[in-house]
C-alpha atoms as a PDB file:
ATOM      1  CA  MET A   1     106.593 113.058 109.743  1.00  0.00           C
ATOM      2  CA  LYS A   2     105.962 109.542 110.953  1.00  0.00           C
ATOM      3  CA  GLN A   3     103.952 109.114 114.103  1.00  0.00           C
ATOM      4  CA  ALA A   4     105.593 107.229 116.962  1.00  0.00           C
ATOM      5  CA  HIS A   5     103.776 104.125 118.167  1.00  0.00           C
ATOM      6  CA  PHE A   6     102.719 103.734 121.759  1.00  0.00           C
ATOM      7  CA  LEU A   7     105.276 101.916 123.904  1.00  0.00           C
ATOM      8  CA  TRP A   8     104.004  99.658 126.650  1.00  0.00           C
ATOM      9  CA  ILE A   9     105.731  97.368 129.093  1.00  0.00           C
ATOM     10  CA  LEU A  10     104.454  93.903 129.934  1.00  0.00           C
ATOM     11  CA  PRO A  11     104.431  93.340 133.717  1.00  0.00           C
ATOM     12  CA  ILE A  12     106.643  90.258 133.915  1.00  0.00           C
ATOM     13  CA  GLY A  13     108.363  90.635 137.256  1.00  0.00           C
ATOM     14  CA  LEU A  14     110.124  87.273 137.079  1.00  0.00           C
ATOM     15  CA  LEU A  15     112.608  88.540 134.501  1.00  0.00           C
ATOM     16  CA  SER A  16     114.295  91.257 136.512  1.00  0.00           C
ATOM     17  CA  SER A  17     113.803  93.594 139.422  1.00  0.00           C
ATOM     18  CA  CYS A  18     114.864  96.348 136.985  1.00  0.00           C
ATOM     19  CA  ALA A  19     111.801  95.988 134.765  1.00  0.00           C
ATOM     20  CA  SER A  20     110.074  99.379 134.943  1.00  0.00           C
ATOM     21  CA  THR A  21     108.599 102.199 132.903  1.00  0.00           C
ATOM     22  CA  GLN A  22     111.695 104.229 133.851  1.00  0.00           C
ATOM     23  CA  ILE A  23     115.307 103.245 133.570  1.00  0.00           C
ATOM     24  CA  CYS A  24     116.581 101.214 136.490  1.00  0.00           C
ATOM     25  CA  THR A  25     118.901 103.008 138.911  1.00  0.00           C
ATOM     26  CA  ARG A  26     119.960 100.147 141.191  1.00  0.00           C
ATOM     27  CA  PRO A  27     123.737  99.562 141.485  1.00  0.00           C
ATOM     28  CA  LEU A  28     125.122  97.136 138.890  1.00  0.00           C
ATOM     29  CA  THR A  29     128.742  96.055 138.867  1.00  0.00           C
ATOM     30  CA  GLN A  30     128.690  92.741 136.971  1.00  0.00           C
ATOM     31  CA  SER A  31     126.985  91.668 133.766  1.00  0.00           C
ATOM     32  CA  GLU A  32     124.318  88.997 133.778  1.00  0.00           C
ATOM     33  CA  PRO A  33     125.286  86.210 131.338  1.00  0.00           C
ATOM     34  CA  GLU A  34     121.790  86.076 129.810  1.00  0.00           C
ATOM     35  CA  ALA A  35     121.962  89.782 128.997  1.00  0.00           C
ATOM     36  CA  LYS A  36     125.376  89.462 127.352  1.00  0.00           C
ATOM     37  CA  VAL A  37     124.069  86.592 125.226  1.00  0.00           C
ATOM     38  CA  LEU A  38     121.168  88.751 123.997  1.00  0.00           C
ATOM     39  CA  VAL A  39     123.465  91.653 123.051  1.00  0.00           C
ATOM     40  CA  ALA A  40     125.839  89.289 121.230  1.00  0.00           C
ATOM     41  CA  ALA A  41     122.885  87.789 119.344  1.00  0.00           C
ATOM     42  CA  SER A  42     121.784  91.271 118.274  1.00  0.00           C
ATOM     43  CA  GLN A  43     125.296  92.108 117.115  1.00  0.00           C
ATOM     44  CA  LYS A  44     125.346  88.913 115.052  1.00  0.00           C
ATOM     45  CA  ALA A  45     121.936  89.700 113.539  1.00  0.00           C
ATOM     46  CA  HIS A  46     123.182  93.135 112.498  1.00  0.00           C
ATOM     47  CA  GLY A  47     126.313  91.639 110.879  1.00  0.00           C
ATOM     48  CA  SER A  48     129.100  91.504 113.450  1.00  0.00           C
ATOM     49  CA  ALA A  49     131.519  89.550 111.218  1.00  0.00           C
ATOM     50  CA  ASP A  50     131.399  92.265 108.549  1.00  0.00           C
ATOM     51  CA  PHE A  51     131.282  95.114 111.054  1.00  0.00           C
ATOM     52  CA  ALA A  52     134.646  93.941 112.399  1.00  0.00           C
ATOM     53  CA  LYS A  53     136.197  94.845 109.016  1.00  0.00           C
ATOM     54  CA  ILE A  54     135.176  98.521 109.246  1.00  0.00           C
ATOM     55  CA  ASN A  55     137.731 101.200 110.136  1.00  0.00           C
ATOM     56  CA  ASP A  56     135.756 104.361 109.368  1.00  0.00           C
ATOM     57  CA  LEU A  57     132.311 105.528 108.311  1.00  0.00           C
ATOM     58  CA  SER A  58     131.062 108.540 106.378  1.00  0.00           C
ATOM     59  CA  VAL A  59     127.341 109.305 106.712  1.00  0.00           C
ATOM     60  CA  HIS A  60     124.838 111.972 105.727  1.00  0.00           C
ATOM     61  CA  TYR A  61     121.657 112.686 107.695  1.00  0.00           C
ATOM     62  CA  GLU A  62     118.621 114.852 107.034  1.00  0.00           C
ATOM     63  CA  GLY A  63     115.947 115.525 109.616  1.00  0.00           C
ATOM     64  CA  LYS A  64     113.204 117.708 111.027  1.00  0.00           C
ATOM     65  CA  TRP A  65     112.644 118.913 114.592  1.00  0.00           C
ATOM     66  CA  ALA A  66     109.234 118.846 116.207  1.00  0.00           C
ATOM     67  CA  ALA A  67     107.911 122.313 117.034  1.00  0.00           C
ATOM     68  CA  ILE A  68     108.357 122.021 120.802  1.00  0.00           C
ATOM     69  CA  GLY A  69     111.718 120.184 120.833  1.00  0.00           C
ATOM     70  CA  PRO A  70     113.948 123.244 120.393  1.00  0.00           C
ATOM     71  CA  ARG A  71     112.100 125.084 123.164  1.00  0.00           C
ATOM     72  CA  PHE A  72     112.537 122.162 125.566  1.00  0.00           C
ATOM     73  CA  GLN A  73     116.352 122.023 125.235  1.00  0.00           C
ATOM     74  CA  PRO A  74     117.592 124.861 122.961  1.00  0.00           C
ATOM     75  CA  VAL A  75     121.316 124.376 123.647  1.00  0.00           C
ATOM     76  CA  LEU A  76     121.185 120.626 123.121  1.00  0.00           C
ATOM     77  CA  VAL A  77     118.959 120.829 120.041  1.00  0.00           C
ATOM     78  CA  ASP A  78     120.746 123.838 118.465  1.00  0.00           C
ATOM     79  CA  SER A  79     118.146 123.761 115.689  1.00  0.00           C
ATOM     80  CA  LYS A  80     119.502 126.910 114.020  1.00  0.00           C
ATOM     81  CA  PHE A  81     122.500 124.867 112.906  1.00  0.00           C
ATOM     82  CA  ARG A  82     121.462 121.210 113.184  1.00  0.00           C
ATOM     83  CA  GLY A  83     119.490 120.546 110.004  1.00  0.00           C
ATOM     84  CA  SER A  84     121.393 118.212 107.705  1.00  0.00           C
ATOM     85  CA  SER A  85     124.797 116.829 108.650  1.00  0.00           C
ATOM     86  CA  GLU A  86     127.858 115.090 107.253  1.00  0.00           C
ATOM     87  CA  GLU A  87     129.542 112.920 109.875  1.00  0.00           C
ATOM     88  CA  LYS A  88     132.737 110.862 110.009  1.00  0.00           C
ATOM     89  CA  LEU A  89     133.473 108.126 112.548  1.00  0.00           C
ATOM     90  CA  ILE A  90     136.795 106.397 113.100  1.00  0.00           C
ATOM     91  CA  LEU A  91     135.693 103.368 115.050  1.00  0.00           C
ATOM     92  CA  GLY A  92     138.808 102.120 116.860  1.00  0.00           C
ATOM     93  CA  PRO A  93     139.665 105.273 118.830  1.00  0.00           C
ATOM     94  CA  ARG A  94     136.001 106.432 118.610  1.00  0.00           C
ATOM     95  CA  ILE A  95     136.686 109.754 116.889  1.00  0.00           C
ATOM     96  CA  ILE A  96     133.619 111.606 115.614  1.00  0.00           C
ATOM     97  CA  ALA A  97     133.628 114.626 113.292  1.00  0.00           C
ATOM     98  CA  GLN A  98     130.396 116.390 112.364  1.00  0.00           C
ATOM     99  CA  SER A  99     129.561 119.173 109.952  1.00  0.00           C
ATOM    100  CA  HIS A 100     126.021 120.431 110.595  1.00  0.00           C
ATOM    101  CA  GLN A 101     124.265 122.868 108.295  1.00  0.00           C
ATOM    102  CA  GLY A 102     121.181 124.943 109.057  1.00  0.00           C
ATOM    103  CA  ARG A 103     119.716 128.397 108.618  1.00  0.00           C
ATOM    104  CA  GLY A 104     122.409 129.810 110.951  1.00  0.00           C
ATOM    105  CA  GLY A 105     125.295 128.440 108.884  1.00  0.00           C
ATOM    106  CA  ILE A 106     127.790 125.666 109.545  1.00  0.00           C
ATOM    107  CA  LYS A 107     128.596 124.082 112.895  1.00  0.00           C
ATOM    108  CA  GLN A 108     131.547 121.711 113.080  1.00  0.00           C
ATOM    109  CA  VAL A 109     132.332 119.321 115.912  1.00  0.00           C
ATOM    110  CA  LEU A 110     135.400 117.218 116.627  1.00  0.00           C
ATOM    111  CA  ARG A 111     134.814 114.670 119.355  1.00  0.00           C
ATOM    112  CA  GLU A 112     137.810 112.719 120.629  1.00  0.00           C
ATOM    113  CA  PRO A 113     137.996 110.623 123.817  1.00  0.00           C
ATOM    114  CA  ASP A 114     137.810 113.100 126.731  1.00  0.00           C
ATOM    115  CA  GLN A 115     137.922 116.082 124.340  1.00  0.00           C
ATOM    116  CA  ILE A 116     135.464 118.226 122.398  1.00  0.00           C
ATOM    117  CA  ALA A 117     135.928 121.203 120.083  1.00  0.00           C
ATOM    118  CA  VAL A 118     133.162 123.143 118.318  1.00  0.00           C
ATOM    119  CA  THR A 119     133.140 125.924 115.723  1.00  0.00           C
ATOM    120  CA  TYR A 120     130.281 128.081 114.456  1.00  0.00           C
ATOM    121  CA  ASN A 121     130.943 129.456 110.980  1.00  0.00           C
ATOM    122  CA  GLY A 122     134.651 128.991 111.673  1.00  0.00           C
ATOM    123  CA  THR A 123     134.696 130.613 115.149  1.00  0.00           C
ATOM    124  CA  LEU A 124     135.780 128.381 118.033  1.00  0.00           C
ATOM    125  CA  SER A 125     133.205 128.011 120.820  1.00  0.00           C
ATOM    126  CA  LYS A 126     134.432 128.718 124.354  1.00  0.00           C
ATOM    127  CA  ASP A 127     131.053 128.152 126.003  1.00  0.00           C
ATOM    128  CA  ALA A 128     131.196 125.155 128.367  1.00  0.00           C
ATOM    129  CA  GLU A 129     127.508 124.250 128.082  1.00  0.00           C
ATOM    130  CA  THR A 130     127.564 124.459 124.283  1.00  0.00           C
ATOM    131  CA  ASN A 131     130.606 122.211 124.132  1.00  0.00           C
ATOM    132  CA  ALA A 132     129.188 119.687 126.602  1.00  0.00           C
ATOM    133  CA  ALA A 133     125.954 119.533 124.595  1.00  0.00           C
ATOM    134  CA  ALA A 134     127.910 118.911 121.391  1.00  0.00           C
ATOM    135  CA  ALA A 135     129.825 116.059 123.049  1.00  0.00           C
ATOM    136  CA  LEU A 136     126.556 114.487 124.225  1.00  0.00           C
ATOM    137  CA  VAL A 137     125.007 114.755 120.751  1.00  0.00           C
ATOM    138  CA  ALA A 138     128.084 113.323 119.014  1.00  0.00           C
ATOM    139  CA  ASP A 139     128.218 110.300 121.300  1.00  0.00           C
ATOM    140  CA  ALA A 140     124.463 109.722 121.170  1.00  0.00           C
ATOM    141  CA  TYR A 141     124.351 109.805 117.374  1.00  0.00           C
ATOM    142  CA  ALA A 142     127.211 107.324 117.220  1.00  0.00           C
ATOM    143  CA  LEU A 143     125.138 105.076 119.503  1.00  0.00           C
ATOM    144  CA  PHE A 144     122.048 105.438 117.300  1.00  0.00           C
ATOM    145  CA  LEU A 145     123.968 104.573 114.131  1.00  0.00           C
ATOM    146  CA  LEU A 146     126.099 101.753 115.531  1.00  0.00           C
ATOM    147  CA  GLY A 147     123.287 100.188 117.537  1.00  0.00           C
ATOM    148  CA  PRO A 148     124.403  97.032 119.371  1.00  0.00           C
ATOM    149  CA  PHE A 149     128.003  97.530 118.206  1.00  0.00           C
ATOM    150  CA  TYR A 150     128.291 100.669 120.328  1.00  0.00           C
ATOM    151  CA  PHE A 151     128.273  98.474 123.432  1.00  0.00           C
ATOM    152  CA  GLN A 152     131.403  96.479 122.656  1.00  0.00           C
ATOM    153  CA  HIS A 153     133.413  98.200 125.408  1.00  0.00           C
ATOM    154  CA  SER A 154     134.656  95.670 127.932  1.00  0.00           C
ATOM    155  CA  ASP A 155     133.501  97.829 130.861  1.00  0.00           C
ATOM    156  CA  THR A 156     129.831  97.975 129.802  1.00  0.00           C
ATOM    157  CA  VAL A 157     127.609  96.190 132.331  1.00  0.00           C
ATOM    158  CA  PHE A 158     124.466  94.395 131.076  1.00  0.00           C
ATOM    159  CA  ALA A 159     121.352  93.206 132.906  1.00  0.00           C
ATOM    160  CA  ILE A 160     118.017  91.697 131.870  1.00  0.00           C
ATOM    161  CA  ASN A 161     115.377  94.432 131.979  1.00  0.00           C
ATOM    162  CA  GLY A 162     112.041  92.785 131.189  1.00  0.00           C
ATOM    163  CA  VAL A 163     110.192  92.894 127.879  1.00  0.00           C
ATOM    164  CA  SER A 164     108.490  95.514 125.725  1.00  0.00           C
ATOM    165  CA  VAL A 165     106.572  95.823 122.481  1.00  0.00           C
ATOM    166  CA  VAL A 166     107.982  98.089 119.768  1.00  0.00           C
ATOM    167  CA  ASP A 167     105.882  98.607 116.638  1.00  0.00           C
ATOM    168  CA  HIS A 168     104.017  95.350 117.355  1.00  0.00           C
ATOM    169  CA  ALA A 169     107.276  93.389 117.789  1.00  0.00           C
ATOM    170  CA  LEU A 170     107.840  91.625 121.110  1.00  0.00           C
ATOM    171  CA  CYS A 171     111.276  92.606 122.417  1.00  0.00           C
ATOM    172  CA  ASP A 172     113.575  91.461 125.185  1.00  0.00           C
ATOM    173  CA  ASP A 173     114.988  94.477 127.015  1.00  0.00           C
ATOM    174  CA  VAL A 174     118.589  94.701 128.175  1.00  0.00           C
ATOM    175  CA  LEU A 175     119.924  97.429 130.443  1.00  0.00           C
ATOM    176  CA  ALA A 176     123.411  98.654 129.501  1.00  0.00           C
ATOM    177  CA  VAL A 177     125.353 100.731 132.026  1.00  0.00           C
ATOM    178  CA  LEU A 178     127.964 102.935 130.328  1.00  0.00           C
ATOM    179  CA  ARG A 179     130.902 104.201 132.360  1.00  0.00           C
ATOM    180  CA  PRO A 180     131.849 106.805 131.270  1.00  0.00           C
ATOM    181  CA  GLY A 181     128.519 107.856 129.858  1.00  0.00           C
ATOM    182  CA  LEU A 182     127.575 109.943 126.846  1.00  0.00           C
ATOM    183  CA  GLY A 183     129.361 113.247 126.427  1.00  0.00           C
ATOM    184  CA  MET A 184     130.878 114.383 129.707  1.00  0.00           C
ATOM    185  CA  ALA A 185     128.728 112.116 131.902  1.00  0.00           C
ATOM    186  CA  LYS A 186     130.351 109.765 134.398  1.00  0.00           C
ATOM    187  CA  GLU A 187     127.570 107.248 133.777  1.00  0.00           C
ATOM    188  CA  ASP A 188     124.560 106.780 131.534  1.00  0.00           C
ATOM    189  CA  ARG A 189     122.063 103.967 131.246  1.00  0.00           C
ATOM    190  CA  VAL A 190     120.554 102.640 128.045  1.00  0.00           C
ATOM    191  CA  VAL A 191     117.736 100.128 127.598  1.00  0.00           C
ATOM    192  CA  LEU A 192     118.095  98.082 124.403  1.00  0.00           C
ATOM    193  CA  SER A 193     114.866  96.610 123.025  1.00  0.00           C
ATOM    194  CA  ILE A 194     115.927  93.563 121.004  1.00  0.00           C
ATOM    195  CA  ASP A 195     113.375  91.906 118.728  1.00  0.00           C
ATOM    196  CA  ARG A 196     112.774  88.423 120.123  1.00  0.00           C
ATOM    197  CA  SER A 197     112.220  86.841 116.697  1.00  0.00           C
ATOM    198  CA  CYS A 198     114.986  88.376 114.545  1.00  0.00           C
ATOM    199  CA  LYS A 199     117.281  89.934 117.232  1.00  0.00           C
ATOM    200  CA  LEU A 200     117.384  93.351 115.546  1.00  0.00           C
ATOM    201  CA  LEU A 201     117.669  96.354 117.843  1.00  0.00           C
ATOM    202  CA  ARG A 202     114.300  98.109 117.571  1.00  0.00           C
ATOM    203  CA  ARG A 203     114.642 100.899 120.147  1.00  0.00           C
ATOM    204  CA  VAL A 204     116.996 102.429 122.678  1.00  0.00           C
ATOM    205  CA  ARG A 205     115.950 104.451 125.709  1.00  0.00           C
ATOM    206  CA  LEU A 206     118.658 106.452 127.436  1.00  0.00           C
ATOM    207  CA  THR A 207     119.498 108.868 130.187  1.00  0.00           C
ATOM    208  CA  LEU A 208     121.115 112.225 129.393  1.00  0.00           C
ATOM    209  CA  ASN A 209     123.494 112.877 132.262  1.00  0.00           C
ATOM    210  CA  GLY A 210     126.063 114.818 130.239  1.00  0.00           C
ATOM    211  CA  LEU A 211     124.341 118.161 130.836  1.00  0.00           C
ATOM    212  CA  GLU A 212     123.157 119.685 134.098  1.00  0.00           C
ATOM    213  CA  SER A 213     119.909 120.733 132.393  1.00  0.00           C
ATOM    214  CA  THR A 214     119.090 117.210 131.147  1.00  0.00           C
ATOM    215  CA  ARG A 215     119.966 115.093 134.183  1.00  0.00           C
ATOM    216  CA  GLY A 216     116.900 113.085 135.102  1.00  0.00           C
ATOM    217  CA  ALA A 217     115.546 113.292 131.563  1.00  0.00           C
ATOM    218  CA  GLU A 218     115.101 110.236 129.355  1.00  0.00           C
ATOM    219  CA  VAL A 219     114.589 109.920 125.611  1.00  0.00           C
ATOM    220  CA  ASP A 220     114.066 106.995 123.294  1.00  0.00           C
ATOM    221  CA  VAL A 221     114.838 106.470 119.628  1.00  0.00           C
ATOM    222  CA  THR A 222     112.941 103.920 117.562  1.00  0.00           C
ATOM    223  CA  PHE A 223     114.610 102.456 114.478  1.00  0.00           C
ATOM    224  CA  ARG A 224     112.166 101.963 111.609  1.00  0.00           C
ATOM    225  CA  ASP A 225     113.777 100.583 108.448  1.00  0.00           C
ATOM    226  CA  PHE A 226     117.174  99.023 107.986  1.00  0.00           C
ATOM    227  CA  LYS A 227     119.428  98.658 104.965  1.00  0.00           C
ATOM    228  CA  LYS A 228     122.188  96.106 104.461  1.00  0.00           C
ATOM    229  CA  ILE A 229     125.433  97.706 103.292  1.00  0.00           C
ATOM    230  CA  SER A 230     128.666  95.710 103.133  1.00  0.00           C
ATOM    231  CA  GLY A 231     127.073  92.916 105.132  1.00  0.00           C
ATOM    232  CA  VAL A 232     125.857  95.127 107.995  1.00  0.00           C
ATOM    233  CA  LEU A 233     122.230  96.057 108.713  1.00  0.00           C
ATOM    234  CA  TRP A 234     122.155  99.812 109.391  1.00  0.00           C
ATOM    235  CA  PRO A 235     119.158 101.748 110.742  1.00  0.00           C
ATOM    236  CA  THR A 236     118.003 104.366 108.237  1.00  0.00           C
ATOM    237  CA  ASP A 237     114.920 105.865 109.921  1.00  0.00           C
ATOM    238  CA  PHE A 238     115.131 107.348 113.420  1.00  0.00           C
ATOM    239  CA  ASP A 239     112.249 108.624 115.541  1.00  0.00           C
ATOM    240  CA  GLU A 240     113.054 110.337 118.844  1.00  0.00           C
ATOM    241  CA  ARG A 241     110.711 111.055 121.732  1.00  0.00           C
ATOM    242  CA  VAL A 242     111.228 112.609 125.145  1.00  0.00           C
ATOM    243  CA  ARG A 243     109.946 110.139 127.773  1.00  0.00           C
ATOM    244  CA  SER A 244     110.805 111.865 131.041  1.00  0.00           C
ATOM    245  CA  PRO A 245     110.089 114.282 132.737  1.00  0.00           C
ATOM    246  CA  PHE A 246     107.188 114.451 130.245  1.00  0.00           C
ATOM    247  CA  LYS A 247     106.294 112.870 126.913  1.00  0.00           C
ATOM    248  CA  LEU A 248     106.599 114.625 123.575  1.00  0.00           C
ATOM    249  CA  HIS A 249     107.862 114.020 120.083  1.00  0.00           C
ATOM    250  CA  ALA A 250     111.290 115.572 119.525  1.00  0.00           C
ATOM    251  CA  HIS A 251     112.997 114.706 116.245  1.00  0.00           C
ATOM    252  CA  HIS A 252     112.727 112.557 113.150  1.00  0.00           C
ATOM    253  CA  TRP A 253     115.653 112.010 110.815  1.00  0.00           C
ATOM    254  CA  ASN A 254     116.911 109.679 108.078  1.00  0.00           C
ATOM    255  CA  LEU A 255     120.230 108.241 107.070  1.00  0.00           C
ATOM    256  CA  ARG A 256     120.504 109.349 103.446  1.00  0.00           C
ATOM    257  CA  SER A 257     123.933 107.976 102.586  1.00  0.00           C
ATOM    258  CA  LEU A 258     126.715 105.885 104.050  1.00  0.00           C
ATOM    259  CA  GLU A 259     130.214 104.946 102.926  1.00  0.00           C
ATOM    260  CA  ILE A 260     132.626 102.504 104.529  1.00  0.00           C
ATOM    261  CA  ASN A 261     136.426 102.664 104.802  1.00  0.00           C
ATOM    262  CA  ARG A 262     137.550 105.824 103.054  1.00  0.00           C
ATOM    263  CA  GLY A 263     140.788 105.361 104.983  1.00  0.00           C
ATOM    264  CA  LEU A 264     140.241 108.358 107.262  1.00  0.00           C
ATOM    265  CA  SER A 265     142.561 109.359 110.099  1.00  0.00           C
ATOM    266  CA  ILE A 266     142.465 112.156 112.663  1.00  0.00           C
ATOM    267  CA  ARG A 267     144.629 114.220 110.303  1.00  0.00           C
ATOM    268  CA  ASP A 268     141.701 114.352 107.867  1.00  0.00           C
ATOM    269  CA  LEU A 269     139.267 115.795 110.415  1.00  0.00           C
ATOM    270  CA  LYS A 270     140.702 119.076 111.669  1.00  0.00           C
ATOM    271  CA  LEU A 271     138.012 121.597 112.564  1.00  0.00           C
ATOM    272  CA  SER A 272     137.027 123.713 109.535  1.00  0.00           C
ATOM    273  CA  GLN A 273     139.856 122.064 107.586  1.00  0.00           C
ATOM    274  CA  TRP A 274     138.637 118.623 106.571  1.00  0.00           C
ATOM    275  CA  SER A 275     140.883 117.025 103.995  1.00  0.00           C
ATOM    276  CA  ALA A 276     139.613 116.538 100.444  1.00  0.00           C
ATOM    277  CA  LYS A 277     139.081 112.850 101.261  1.00  0.00           C
ATOM    278  CA  ALA A 278     136.903 113.692 104.256  1.00  0.00           C
ATOM    279  CA  ALA A 279     135.083 116.660 102.694  1.00  0.00           C
ATOM    280  CA  GLN A 280     133.833 114.763  99.651  1.00  0.00           C
ATOM    281  CA  PRO A 281     130.040 114.386 100.090  1.00  0.00           C
ATOM    282  CA  THR A 282     128.898 110.920 101.091  1.00  0.00           C
ATOM    283  CA  SER A 283     127.370 109.060  98.152  1.00  0.00           C
ATOM    284  CA  ALA A 284     123.656 108.313  98.229  1.00  0.00           C
ATOM    285  CA  LEU A 285     122.089 105.085  99.384  1.00  0.00           C
ATOM    286  CA  ILE A 286     120.397 103.008  96.725  1.00  0.00           C
ATOM    287  CA  PRO A 287     116.607 103.296  97.271  1.00  0.00           C
END
């Protein structure tokens, strides 16, 4: 497992009153133009013209949990089922379908706007916390994969948030306020660390307000390695750390395969009944 690099914040107070080692909580109702320009530049660097042509994505992940991660948040982590996963995203309506596989069997998730449904080995979950955790995970993993494109909603508010260094790269930080937030949260806040030289998104740090047990917690995910597919630069290596209320390594995973525009619709993604088009394994990335 790769070791995460130490994150440090340069004390440049002139950039924003939000610059801090923790995510800013001050009220924000309007975007700062400079912040919007930075996000747009990152979208362009990742291939916004080609991303606009994408209707749906099919991806396959493989990963490994750190020893303490499952004990910190067992419902959210759900490590008995969340080993490898096949995931489908329909971008316009933001529909996410996941099929996780682990030593406990198969967990399937269907995340639609304002709705979540989860099955374990074909049995529908009726547990509110389990379902809320699945909604949070589905939304967060869409954010990690889509990077700067996740923040194309017109109601996202952006503000300059200082600078940081990620894996020796100087980054300009932008605070994004999401309303609604991830999962069932009314609001979440995400700090985007955008490489000053090439404008790639190097790291995101986010709140986890979608669960009662994680409110006040913060995690970050560092993107190490990108691959251009169909004109878009996709992150392929993800390293997650808990940053608050304490610091520890949580999860490392890789994007093993990705396909674009199978022509999927919601009809293909019924729980435990994916269509043949959706169920076909995602083809491997070229090394």
